[in-house]
Amino acid sequence: MDAVNKREILDAILQNEEELWIVIKPSRLNPCDPDELCVFQNPAQYKEASIEIPTRWFRDRELGMIESAVKDAIANASPGYKHG
């Protein structure tokens, strides 16, 4: 996986999921957001997942650890996020 920013790494991981998950945070406006919180939504199932991923994992390209954290967050997603 050759991604240049946090959002691209997260998008690459999520595109391998069976259901559609989209990255909400970091935003497209700031794909290198230094905040550790990452948020994903599944619009078809009205679910939201969030996880704090250390920014050093992105910097050091700890892709396995990032992918594991994302998959765990998705597995424990909460229903009922609000639109808008």
C-alpha atoms as a PDB file:
ATOM      1  CA  MET A   1       0.000   0.000   0.000  1.00  0.00           C
ATOM      2  CA  ASP A   2       1.680   3.206  -1.137  1.00  0.00           C
ATOM      3  CA  ALA A   3      -0.364   6.041   0.364  1.00  0.00           C
ATOM      4  CA  VAL A   4       0.814   9.575   0.976  1.00  0.00           C
ATOM      5  CA  ASN A   5      -1.575  10.637   3.741  1.00  0.00           C
ATOM      6  CA  LYS A   6      -3.816   9.319   6.504  1.00  0.00           C
ATOM      7  CA  ARG A   7      -6.992   9.499   4.448  1.00  0.00           C
ATOM      8  CA  GLU A   8      -5.506   7.540   1.543  1.00  0.00           C
ATOM      9  CA  ILE A   9      -4.299   4.815   3.902  1.00  0.00           C
ATOM     10  CA  LEU A  10      -7.733   4.578   5.538  1.00  0.00           C
ATOM     11  CA  ASP A  11      -9.544   4.625   2.178  1.00  0.00           C
ATOM     12  CA  ALA A  12      -7.304   1.792   0.935  1.00  0.00           C
ATOM     13  CA  ILE A  13      -8.137  -0.326   3.990  1.00  0.00           C
ATOM     14  CA  LEU A  14     -11.879   0.378   3.780  1.00  0.00           C
ATOM     15  CA  GLN A  15     -12.149  -0.437   0.085  1.00  0.00           C
ATOM     16  CA  ASN A  16     -11.442  -4.076   0.966  1.00  0.00           C
ATOM     17  CA  GLU A  17     -14.535  -4.280   3.196  1.00  0.00           C
ATOM     18  CA  GLU A  18     -17.669  -6.036   1.936  1.00  0.00           C
ATOM     19  CA  GLU A  19     -19.909  -3.145   2.964  1.00  0.00           C
ATOM     20  CA  LEU A  20     -19.363   0.480   1.980  1.00  0.00           C
ATOM     21  CA  TRP A  21     -17.516   2.462   4.654  1.00  0.00           C
ATOM     22  CA  ILE A  22     -16.450   6.037   4.102  1.00  0.00           C
ATOM     23  CA  VAL A  23     -13.872   8.116   5.924  1.00  0.00           C
ATOM     24  CA  ILE A  24     -15.399  11.097   7.715  1.00  0.00           C
ATOM     25  CA  LYS A  25     -12.311  12.094   9.684  1.00  0.00           C
ATOM     26  CA  PRO A  26      -9.694  13.009   8.637  1.00  0.00           C
ATOM     27  CA  SER A  27     -11.558  15.189   6.177  1.00  0.00           C
ATOM     28  CA  ARG A  28     -10.750  15.616   2.520  1.00  0.00           C
ATOM     29  CA  LEU A  29      -9.754  19.190   3.370  1.00  0.00           C
ATOM     30  CA  ASN A  30      -7.071  18.024   5.791  1.00  0.00           C
ATOM     31  CA  PRO A  31      -6.095  14.421   4.938  1.00  0.00           C
ATOM     32  CA  CYS A  32      -2.996  14.715   7.142  1.00  0.00           C
ATOM     33  CA  ASP A  33      -4.973  15.818  10.211  1.00  0.00           C
ATOM     34  CA  PRO A  34      -2.644  15.397  13.220  1.00  0.00           C
ATOM     35  CA  ASP A  35      -5.556  14.414  15.512  1.00  0.00           C
ATOM     36  CA  GLU A  36      -5.541  10.723  16.472  1.00  0.00           C
ATOM     37  CA  LEU A  37      -9.324  10.278  16.133  1.00  0.00           C
ATOM     38  CA  CYS A  38     -10.491   8.600  12.919  1.00  0.00           C
ATOM     39  CA  VAL A  39     -14.196   8.266  12.095  1.00  0.00           C
ATOM     40  CA  PHE A  40     -15.892   6.059   9.490  1.00  0.00           C
ATOM     41  CA  GLN A  41     -19.535   5.772   8.470  1.00  0.00           C
ATOM     42  CA  ASN A  42     -21.550   3.093   6.727  1.00  0.00           C
ATOM     43  CA  PRO A  43     -24.382   5.022   5.053  1.00  0.00           C
ATOM     44  CA  ALA A  44     -26.359   1.912   4.063  1.00  0.00           C
ATOM     45  CA  GLN A  45     -26.473   0.559   7.626  1.00  0.00           C
ATOM     46  CA  TYR A  46     -26.491   3.939   9.442  1.00  0.00           C
ATOM     47  CA  LYS A  47     -23.475   2.907  11.484  1.00  0.00           C
ATOM     48  CA  GLU A  48     -20.518   4.892  12.693  1.00  0.00           C
ATOM     49  CA  ALA A  49     -17.166   3.701  13.950  1.00  0.00           C
ATOM     50  CA  SER A  50     -14.412   5.691  15.558  1.00  0.00           C
ATOM     51  CA  ILE A  51     -10.948   4.816  16.763  1.00  0.00           C
ATOM     52  CA  GLU A  52      -7.920   6.692  17.996  1.00  0.00           C
ATOM     53  CA  ILE A  53      -4.938   5.700  15.868  1.00  0.00           C
ATOM     54  CA  PRO A  54      -1.567   7.090  16.931  1.00  0.00           C
ATOM     55  CA  THR A  55      -0.226   9.473  14.285  1.00  0.00           C
ATOM     56  CA  ARG A  56       3.164   7.796  14.605  1.00  0.00           C
ATOM     57  CA  TRP A  57       1.617   4.611  13.117  1.00  0.00           C
ATOM     58  CA  PHE A  58       0.877   6.595   9.961  1.00  0.00           C
ATOM     59  CA  ARG A  59       4.281   8.276  10.001  1.00  0.00           C
ATOM     60  CA  ASP A  60       6.067   4.943  10.489  1.00  0.00           C
ATOM     61  CA  ARG A  61       3.780   3.122   8.014  1.00  0.00           C
ATOM     62  CA  GLU A  62       2.608   0.584  10.619  1.00  0.00           C
ATOM     63  CA  LEU A  63      -0.006  -0.561   8.105  1.00  0.00           C
ATOM     64  CA  GLY A  64      -0.824  -3.855   9.813  1.00  0.00           C
ATOM     65  CA  MET A  65      -1.527  -2.121  13.106  1.00  0.00           C
ATOM     66  CA  ILE A  66      -3.641   0.552  11.387  1.00  0.00           C
ATOM     67  CA  GLU A  67      -5.636  -2.056   9.478  1.00  0.00           C
ATOM     68  CA  SER A  68      -6.229  -4.101  12.632  1.00  0.00           C
ATOM     69  CA  ALA A  69      -7.456  -1.023  14.517  1.00  0.00           C
ATOM     70  CA  VAL A  70      -9.793  -0.021  11.675  1.00  0.00           C
ATOM     71  CA  LYS A  71     -11.276  -3.519  11.365  1.00  0.00           C
ATOM     72  CA  ASP A  72     -11.810  -3.714  15.120  1.00  0.00           C
ATOM     73  CA  ALA A  73     -13.558  -0.323  15.106  1.00  0.00           C
ATOM     74  CA  ILE A  74     -15.827  -1.414  12.250  1.00  0.00           C
ATOM     75  CA  ALA A  75     -16.672  -4.680  14.011  1.00  0.00           C
ATOM     76  CA  ASN A  76     -17.777  -2.632  17.035  1.00  0.00           C
ATOM     77  CA  ALA A  77     -19.550   0.148  15.128  1.00  0.00           C
ATOM     78  CA  SER A  78     -22.497   1.827  16.782  1.00  0.00           C
ATOM     79  CA  PRO A  79     -25.871   2.247  15.063  1.00  0.00           C
ATOM     80  CA  GLY A  80     -27.789   5.424  14.558  1.00  0.00           C
ATOM     81  CA  TYR A  81     -25.458   8.244  13.560  1.00  0.00           C
ATOM     82  CA  LYS A  82     -27.161  11.491  12.600  1.00  0.00           C
ATOM     83  CA  HIS A  83     -26.950  12.924   9.097  1.00  0.00           C
ATOM     84  CA  GLY A  84     -25.599  16.442   8.636  1.00  0.00           C
END
